[in-house]
């Protein structure tokens, strides 16, 4: 084991068997790209180029699928509110909190350069803004 003031155990997949590697990342794992990560997920492991491409593709597919489902979950409410012109049962505070959360996720996705997070949470933010607009437009005075 190499000398290190703060050893962090990292595992990588090599030739279908696990091999333990030590690195000195002060607050998390060092990924194969050199960026520090928390060591969770497949991207924290080290793969060869073809494995990395495949893993990256799987991560993006899962990210886009999850983001898509979350983003479109509010569309039925948008359609119902628009058709009925009734938004009494929709909490304004909930819409603000969800929109703020989606906005912050979009910023986070931009900072870590994650296309699924940027695109899907940007879309979720837009859908929530639509609901907020409908809530303001059709509220009873």
N, C-alpha and C. Protein backbone atom coordinates (compact mmCIF):
# COMPACT_ATOMS: atom_id res chain seq x y z
N UNK A 1 0.85 -1.18 0.00
CA UNK A 1 0.00 0.00 0.00
C UNK A 1 0.89 1.24 0.00
N UNK A 2 0.69 2.18 -0.96
CA UNK A 2 1.50 3.39 -1.00
C UNK A 2 1.24 4.26 0.22
N UNK A 3 2.23 5.05 0.56
CA UNK A 3 2.06 5.98 1.69
C UNK A 3 1.11 7.09 1.29
N UNK A 4 0.21 7.42 2.19
CA UNK A 4 -0.73 8.49 1.93
C UNK A 4 -1.25 9.01 3.25
N UNK A 5 -1.31 10.33 3.38
CA UNK A 5 -1.81 10.91 4.63
C UNK A 5 -3.31 10.69 4.78
N UNK A 6 -4.02 10.50 3.73
CA UNK A 6 -5.46 10.30 3.78
C UNK A 6 -5.87 9.29 2.72
N UNK A 7 -5.63 8.01 2.95
CA UNK A 7 -5.94 7.04 1.91
C UNK A 7 -7.44 6.84 1.76
N UNK A 8 -7.88 6.78 0.54
CA UNK A 8 -9.28 6.53 0.23
C UNK A 8 -9.33 5.28 -0.62
N UNK A 9 -10.10 4.33 -0.16
CA UNK A 9 -10.21 3.07 -0.88
C UNK A 9 -11.04 3.27 -2.14
N UNK A 10 -10.52 2.83 -3.23
CA UNK A 10 -11.22 2.91 -4.50
C UNK A 10 -11.22 1.53 -5.12
N UNK A 11 -12.27 1.20 -5.81
CA UNK A 11 -12.36 -0.11 -6.44
C UNK A 11 -12.50 0.09 -7.92
N UNK A 12 -11.85 -0.72 -8.68
CA UNK A 12 -12.04 -0.65 -10.12
C UNK A 12 -12.22 -2.05 -10.67
N UNK A 13 -12.87 -2.09 -11.78
CA UNK A 13 -13.15 -3.35 -12.44
C UNK A 13 -12.05 -3.60 -13.46
N UNK A 14 -11.40 -4.76 -13.40
CA UNK A 14 -10.35 -5.06 -14.37
C UNK A 14 -10.44 -6.53 -14.71
N UNK A 15 -10.67 -6.80 -15.99
CA UNK A 15 -10.73 -8.17 -16.50
C UNK A 15 -11.71 -9.02 -15.70
N UNK A 16 -12.88 -8.49 -15.45
CA UNK A 16 -13.98 -9.18 -14.76
C UNK A 16 -13.66 -9.58 -13.34
N UNK A 17 -12.64 -8.97 -12.71
CA UNK A 17 -12.40 -9.20 -11.28
C UNK A 17 -12.11 -7.85 -10.62
N UNK A 18 -12.51 -7.73 -9.38
CA UNK A 18 -12.33 -6.47 -8.67
C UNK A 18 -10.90 -6.37 -8.16
N UNK A 19 -10.33 -5.19 -8.27
CA UNK A 19 -8.99 -4.94 -7.78
C UNK A 19 -9.07 -3.71 -6.88
N UNK A 20 -8.45 -3.76 -5.73
CA UNK A 20 -8.49 -2.65 -4.79
C UNK A 20 -7.32 -1.72 -5.05
N UNK A 21 -7.60 -0.43 -5.09
CA UNK A 21 -6.58 0.57 -5.36
C UNK A 21 -6.69 1.64 -4.29
N UNK A 22 -5.56 2.22 -3.90
CA UNK A 22 -5.56 3.27 -2.90
C UNK A 22 -5.20 4.59 -3.56
N UNK A 23 -5.88 5.65 -3.15
CA UNK A 23 -5.53 6.97 -3.65
C UNK A 23 -5.68 7.95 -2.50
N UNK A 24 -5.11 9.13 -2.65
CA UNK A 24 -5.18 10.11 -1.57
C UNK A 24 -6.04 11.28 -1.97
N UNK A 25 -7.31 11.06 -2.13
CA UNK A 25 -8.26 12.13 -2.41
C UNK A 25 -8.82 12.60 -1.07
N UNK A 26 -8.58 13.85 -0.70
CA UNK A 26 -8.96 14.31 0.64
C UNK A 26 -10.44 14.25 0.95
N UNK A 27 -11.31 14.45 -0.02
CA UNK A 27 -12.74 14.45 0.30
C UNK A 27 -13.51 13.68 -0.77
N UNK A 28 -13.16 12.48 -0.98
CA UNK A 28 -13.88 11.68 -1.94
C UNK A 28 -12.93 11.00 -2.90
N UNK A 29 -13.50 10.30 -3.82
CA UNK A 29 -12.71 9.55 -4.78
C UNK A 29 -12.23 10.45 -5.90
N UNK A 30 -11.14 10.08 -6.50
CA UNK A 30 -10.70 10.71 -7.74
C UNK A 30 -11.15 9.79 -8.86
N UNK A 31 -11.94 10.33 -9.75
CA UNK A 31 -12.43 9.51 -10.85
C UNK A 31 -11.38 9.44 -11.94
N UNK A 32 -11.64 8.63 -12.93
CA UNK A 32 -10.72 8.47 -14.03
C UNK A 32 -10.52 9.77 -14.80
N UNK A 33 -11.46 10.69 -14.72
CA UNK A 33 -11.32 11.96 -15.43
C UNK A 33 -10.49 12.96 -14.62
N UNK A 34 -10.14 12.59 -13.39
CA UNK A 34 -9.35 13.48 -12.56
C UNK A 34 -10.20 14.37 -11.67
N UNK A 35 -11.51 14.46 -11.91
CA UNK A 35 -12.37 15.27 -11.06
C UNK A 35 -12.70 14.48 -9.80
N UNK A 36 -12.78 15.17 -8.69
CA UNK A 36 -13.17 14.51 -7.46
C UNK A 36 -14.64 14.15 -7.48
N UNK A 37 -15.00 13.00 -6.98
CA UNK A 37 -16.39 12.61 -6.86
C UNK A 37 -16.61 12.11 -5.45
N UNK A 38 -17.84 11.87 -5.10
CA UNK A 38 -18.13 11.31 -3.79
C UNK A 38 -17.93 9.81 -3.77
N UNK A 39 -17.60 9.24 -4.90
CA UNK A 39 -17.33 7.81 -4.96
C UNK A 39 -18.56 6.96 -5.11
N UNK A 40 -19.65 7.57 -5.46
CA UNK A 40 -20.86 6.80 -5.68
C UNK A 40 -21.11 6.70 -7.16
N UNK A 41 -21.76 5.67 -7.58
CA UNK A 41 -22.07 5.50 -8.98
C UNK A 41 -20.95 4.86 -9.76
N UNK A 42 -21.27 4.47 -10.95
CA UNK A 42 -20.31 3.78 -11.78
C UNK A 42 -19.19 4.67 -12.26
N UNK A 43 -19.43 5.99 -12.35
CA UNK A 43 -18.40 6.88 -12.85
C UNK A 43 -17.23 7.03 -11.88
N UNK A 44 -17.40 6.60 -10.63
CA UNK A 44 -16.30 6.66 -9.67
C UNK A 44 -15.31 5.52 -9.88
N UNK A 45 -15.70 4.52 -10.64
CA UNK A 45 -14.83 3.40 -10.93
C UNK A 45 -14.00 3.72 -12.16
N UNK A 46 -12.91 2.98 -12.33
CA UNK A 46 -12.03 3.24 -13.47
C UNK A 46 -12.21 2.13 -14.49
N UNK A 47 -12.51 2.51 -15.73
CA UNK A 47 -12.74 1.57 -16.81
C UNK A 47 -11.86 1.92 -17.99
N UNK A 48 -11.71 0.97 -18.91
CA UNK A 48 -11.02 1.32 -20.14
C UNK A 48 -11.95 2.16 -21.00
N UNK A 49 -11.47 2.67 -22.14
CA UNK A 49 -12.26 3.63 -22.92
C UNK A 49 -13.59 3.07 -23.42
N UNK A 50 -13.60 1.84 -23.92
CA UNK A 50 -14.86 1.29 -24.43
C UNK A 50 -15.84 1.02 -23.30
N UNK A 51 -15.35 0.55 -22.15
CA UNK A 51 -16.23 0.35 -20.99
C UNK A 51 -16.75 1.69 -20.50
N UNK A 52 -15.88 2.70 -20.48
CA UNK A 52 -16.28 4.02 -20.02
C UNK A 52 -17.39 4.58 -20.90
N UNK A 53 -17.25 4.44 -22.21
CA UNK A 53 -18.28 4.92 -23.13
C UNK A 53 -19.61 4.24 -22.86
N UNK A 54 -19.60 2.92 -22.68
CA UNK A 54 -20.82 2.17 -22.43
C UNK A 54 -21.45 2.59 -21.10
N UNK A 55 -20.64 2.67 -20.04
CA UNK A 55 -21.15 3.07 -18.72
C UNK A 55 -21.71 4.48 -18.79
N UNK A 56 -21.01 5.38 -19.46
CA UNK A 56 -21.48 6.76 -19.59
C UNK A 56 -22.82 6.80 -20.33
N UNK A 57 -22.96 5.99 -21.37
CA UNK A 57 -24.20 5.93 -22.13
C UNK A 57 -25.35 5.43 -21.23
N UNK A 58 -25.08 4.38 -20.44
CA UNK A 58 -26.11 3.84 -19.53
C UNK A 58 -26.50 4.89 -18.49
N UNK A 59 -25.51 5.57 -17.91
CA UNK A 59 -25.80 6.61 -16.92
C UNK A 59 -26.67 7.71 -17.53
N UNK A 60 -26.36 8.12 -18.75
CA UNK A 60 -27.14 9.17 -19.41
C UNK A 60 -28.55 8.71 -19.73
N UNK A 61 -28.71 7.48 -20.18
CA UNK A 61 -30.05 6.95 -20.48
C UNK A 61 -30.90 6.93 -19.21
N UNK A 62 -30.33 6.43 -18.12
CA UNK A 62 -31.06 6.39 -16.84
C UNK A 62 -31.37 7.82 -16.38
N UNK A 63 -30.41 8.73 -16.50
CA UNK A 63 -30.62 10.12 -16.10
C UNK A 63 -31.71 10.79 -16.89
N UNK A 64 -31.69 10.61 -18.22
CA UNK A 64 -32.73 11.21 -19.06
C UNK A 64 -34.10 10.59 -18.77
N UNK A 65 -34.16 9.27 -18.58
CA UNK A 65 -35.44 8.60 -18.30
C UNK A 65 -36.03 9.10 -16.98
N UNK A 66 -35.21 9.16 -15.94
CA UNK A 66 -35.69 9.62 -14.64
C UNK A 66 -36.12 11.08 -14.71
N UNK A 67 -35.29 11.91 -15.33
CA UNK A 67 -35.63 13.33 -15.46
C UNK A 67 -36.88 13.55 -16.29
N UNK A 68 -37.03 12.76 -17.35
CA UNK A 68 -38.22 12.88 -18.20
C UNK A 68 -39.48 12.57 -17.40
N UNK A 69 -39.45 11.47 -16.64
CA UNK A 69 -40.64 11.09 -15.86
C UNK A 69 -40.99 12.14 -14.82
N UNK A 70 -39.98 12.68 -14.15
CA UNK A 70 -40.24 13.73 -13.15
C UNK A 70 -40.77 14.98 -13.83
N UNK A 71 -40.16 15.35 -14.96
CA UNK A 71 -40.56 16.58 -15.64
C UNK A 71 -41.98 16.49 -16.19
N UNK A 72 -42.35 15.36 -16.77
CA UNK A 72 -43.69 15.24 -17.36
C UNK A 72 -44.76 14.94 -16.32
N UNK A 73 -44.37 14.67 -15.10
CA UNK A 73 -45.36 14.35 -14.06
C UNK A 73 -46.31 15.52 -13.79
N UNK A 74 -45.88 16.73 -14.08
CA UNK A 74 -46.73 17.90 -13.83
C UNK A 74 -47.59 18.28 -15.04
N UNK A 75 -47.30 17.70 -16.20
CA UNK A 75 -48.05 18.06 -17.41
C UNK A 75 -49.53 17.74 -17.30
N UNK A 76 -49.96 16.59 -16.73
CA UNK A 76 -51.41 16.38 -16.57
C UNK A 76 -52.08 17.48 -15.74
N UNK A 77 -51.39 18.00 -14.74
CA UNK A 77 -51.96 19.08 -13.93
C UNK A 77 -52.06 20.36 -14.76
N UNK A 78 -51.06 20.63 -15.60
CA UNK A 78 -51.10 21.81 -16.46
C UNK A 78 -52.30 21.71 -17.40
N UNK A 79 -52.48 20.56 -18.03
CA UNK A 79 -53.59 20.36 -18.97
C UNK A 79 -54.93 20.49 -18.27
N UNK A 80 -55.07 19.84 -17.10
CA UNK A 80 -56.33 19.90 -16.36
C UNK A 80 -56.64 21.34 -15.92
N UNK A 81 -55.63 22.03 -15.41
CA UNK A 81 -55.83 23.41 -14.95
C UNK A 81 -56.20 24.33 -16.11
N UNK A 82 -55.59 24.11 -17.25
CA UNK A 82 -55.89 24.94 -18.42
C UNK A 82 -57.30 24.68 -18.94
N UNK A 83 -57.70 23.41 -19.00
CA UNK A 83 -59.04 23.06 -19.51
C UNK A 83 -60.15 23.53 -18.57
N UNK A 84 -59.97 23.29 -17.28
CA UNK A 84 -61.02 23.63 -16.31
C UNK A 84 -60.93 25.08 -15.84
N UNK A 85 -59.81 25.71 -16.10
CA UNK A 85 -59.54 27.07 -15.63
C UNK A 85 -59.74 27.18 -14.12
N UNK A 86 -59.43 26.07 -13.45
CA UNK A 86 -59.55 26.00 -12.00
C UNK A 86 -58.23 25.51 -11.41
N UNK A 87 -57.70 26.30 -10.51
CA UNK A 87 -56.43 25.94 -9.88
C UNK A 87 -56.51 26.05 -8.35
N UNK A 88 -57.72 26.02 -7.84
CA UNK A 88 -57.92 26.20 -6.41
C UNK A 88 -57.21 25.12 -5.59
N UNK A 89 -57.21 23.89 -6.08
CA UNK A 89 -56.64 22.78 -5.31
C UNK A 89 -55.13 22.64 -5.47
N UNK A 90 -54.52 23.49 -6.26
CA UNK A 90 -53.08 23.43 -6.46
C UNK A 90 -52.42 24.42 -5.50
N UNK A 91 -51.50 23.92 -4.70
CA UNK A 91 -50.82 24.77 -3.72
C UNK A 91 -49.79 25.65 -4.41
N UNK A 92 -49.93 26.96 -4.22
CA UNK A 92 -49.00 27.91 -4.80
C UNK A 92 -47.61 27.73 -4.19
N UNK A 93 -47.55 27.50 -2.88
CA UNK A 93 -46.26 27.30 -2.21
C UNK A 93 -45.56 26.06 -2.76
N UNK A 94 -46.31 24.98 -2.98
CA UNK A 94 -45.72 23.77 -3.54
C UNK A 94 -45.11 24.06 -4.91
N UNK A 95 -45.83 24.80 -5.75
CA UNK A 95 -45.32 25.13 -7.09
C UNK A 95 -44.05 25.94 -7.01
N UNK A 96 -43.99 26.89 -6.11
CA UNK A 96 -42.80 27.73 -5.95
C UNK A 96 -41.62 26.87 -5.49
N UNK A 97 -41.85 25.99 -4.52
CA UNK A 97 -40.78 25.14 -4.00
C UNK A 97 -40.26 24.19 -5.07
N UNK A 98 -41.17 23.57 -5.82
CA UNK A 98 -40.75 22.64 -6.89
C UNK A 98 -39.99 23.40 -7.98
N UNK A 99 -40.49 24.58 -8.36
CA UNK A 99 -39.81 25.37 -9.40
C UNK A 99 -38.42 25.79 -8.94
N UNK A 100 -38.30 26.22 -7.69
CA UNK A 100 -36.99 26.60 -7.15
C UNK A 100 -36.05 25.40 -7.12
N UNK A 101 -36.56 24.25 -6.69
CA UNK A 101 -35.74 23.04 -6.68
C UNK A 101 -35.28 22.65 -8.06
N UNK A 102 -36.17 22.71 -9.05
CA UNK A 102 -35.80 22.37 -10.43
C UNK A 102 -34.78 23.37 -10.97
N UNK A 103 -34.95 24.64 -10.63
CA UNK A 103 -33.99 25.66 -11.06
C UNK A 103 -32.60 25.39 -10.47
N UNK A 104 -32.56 25.07 -9.18
CA UNK A 104 -31.27 24.77 -8.54
C UNK A 104 -30.64 23.51 -9.11
N UNK A 105 -31.45 22.49 -9.41
CA UNK A 105 -30.93 21.28 -10.05
C UNK A 105 -30.35 21.60 -11.43
N UNK A 106 -31.00 22.52 -12.15
CA UNK A 106 -30.50 22.92 -13.47
C UNK A 106 -29.13 23.59 -13.33
N UNK A 107 -28.99 24.46 -12.36
CA UNK A 107 -27.70 25.11 -12.10
C UNK A 107 -26.66 24.06 -11.72
N UNK A 108 -27.03 23.15 -10.84
CA UNK A 108 -26.12 22.08 -10.42
C UNK A 108 -25.69 21.24 -11.62
N UNK A 109 -26.62 20.87 -12.47
CA UNK A 109 -26.30 20.10 -13.67
C UNK A 109 -25.33 20.84 -14.57
N UNK A 110 -25.50 22.15 -14.66
CA UNK A 110 -24.59 22.97 -15.46
C UNK A 110 -23.19 22.97 -14.84
N UNK A 111 -23.13 23.10 -13.53
CA UNK A 111 -21.82 23.13 -12.85
C UNK A 111 -21.05 21.83 -13.00
N UNK A 112 -21.76 20.71 -12.93
CA UNK A 112 -21.06 19.42 -13.04
C UNK A 112 -21.07 18.90 -14.48
N UNK A 113 -21.62 19.71 -15.40
CA UNK A 113 -21.67 19.36 -16.82
C UNK A 113 -22.39 18.05 -17.08
N UNK A 114 -23.57 17.91 -16.47
CA UNK A 114 -24.39 16.72 -16.66
C UNK A 114 -25.59 17.08 -17.54
N UNK A 115 -25.54 16.65 -18.78
CA UNK A 115 -26.59 16.98 -19.73
C UNK A 115 -27.97 16.50 -19.29
N UNK A 116 -28.12 15.26 -18.77
CA UNK A 116 -29.46 14.84 -18.34
C UNK A 116 -30.04 15.75 -17.25
N UNK A 117 -29.23 16.14 -16.30
CA UNK A 117 -29.72 17.01 -15.22
C UNK A 117 -30.07 18.39 -15.77
N UNK A 118 -29.21 18.95 -16.61
CA UNK A 118 -29.48 20.28 -17.16
C UNK A 118 -30.77 20.30 -17.97
N UNK A 119 -30.91 19.37 -18.88
CA UNK A 119 -32.04 19.37 -19.81
C UNK A 119 -33.35 19.04 -19.09
N UNK A 120 -33.37 17.96 -18.35
CA UNK A 120 -34.62 17.50 -17.75
C UNK A 120 -35.08 18.43 -16.63
N UNK A 121 -34.18 18.92 -15.81
CA UNK A 121 -34.61 19.82 -14.75
C UNK A 121 -34.93 21.21 -15.29
N UNK A 122 -34.27 21.59 -16.39
CA UNK A 122 -34.65 22.83 -17.07
C UNK A 122 -36.08 22.73 -17.59
N UNK A 123 -36.41 21.56 -18.16
CA UNK A 123 -37.78 21.33 -18.64
C UNK A 123 -38.77 21.32 -17.48
N UNK A 124 -38.42 20.65 -16.37
CA UNK A 124 -39.29 20.62 -15.19
C UNK A 124 -39.52 22.04 -14.65
N UNK A 125 -38.47 22.86 -14.65
CA UNK A 125 -38.59 24.25 -14.22
C UNK A 125 -39.59 24.99 -15.11
N UNK A 126 -39.48 24.80 -16.43
CA UNK A 126 -40.39 25.44 -17.38
C UNK A 126 -41.84 25.00 -17.15
N UNK A 127 -42.07 23.70 -16.95
CA UNK A 127 -43.43 23.20 -16.71
C UNK A 127 -44.00 23.81 -15.43
N UNK A 128 -43.18 23.90 -14.40
CA UNK A 128 -43.66 24.49 -13.15
C UNK A 128 -43.94 25.99 -13.31
N UNK A 129 -43.15 26.66 -14.12
CA UNK A 129 -43.45 28.07 -14.39
C UNK A 129 -44.79 28.22 -15.11
N UNK A 130 -45.09 27.28 -16.02
CA UNK A 130 -46.40 27.29 -16.67
C UNK A 130 -47.53 27.15 -15.65
N UNK A 131 -47.36 26.22 -14.72
CA UNK A 131 -48.38 26.03 -13.68
C UNK A 131 -48.53 27.27 -12.80
N UNK A 132 -47.41 27.90 -12.47
CA UNK A 132 -47.47 29.13 -11.67
C UNK A 132 -48.21 30.22 -12.44
N UNK A 133 -47.91 30.34 -13.74
CA UNK A 133 -48.61 31.32 -14.58
C UNK A 133 -50.11 31.04 -14.61
N UNK A 134 -50.48 29.78 -14.82
CA UNK A 134 -51.91 29.40 -14.85
C UNK A 134 -52.55 29.67 -13.49
N UNK A 135 -51.84 29.37 -12.42
CA UNK A 135 -52.36 29.61 -11.05
C UNK A 135 -52.64 31.10 -10.86
N UNK A 136 -51.73 31.95 -11.30
CA UNK A 136 -51.91 33.40 -11.16
C UNK A 136 -53.05 33.89 -12.07
N UNK A 137 -53.08 33.40 -13.30
CA UNK A 137 -54.08 33.86 -14.28
C UNK A 137 -55.50 33.48 -13.89
N UNK A 138 -55.69 32.26 -13.39
CA UNK A 138 -57.06 31.76 -13.13
C UNK A 138 -57.45 31.79 -11.65
N UNK A 139 -56.68 32.42 -10.80
CA UNK A 139 -57.07 32.47 -9.39
C UNK A 139 -58.32 33.32 -9.23
N UNK A 140 -59.11 32.93 -8.24
CA UNK A 140 -60.35 33.68 -7.96
C UNK A 140 -59.99 34.94 -7.20
N UNK A 141 -60.62 36.02 -7.60
CA UNK A 141 -60.32 37.31 -6.98
C UNK A 141 -61.35 37.71 -5.98
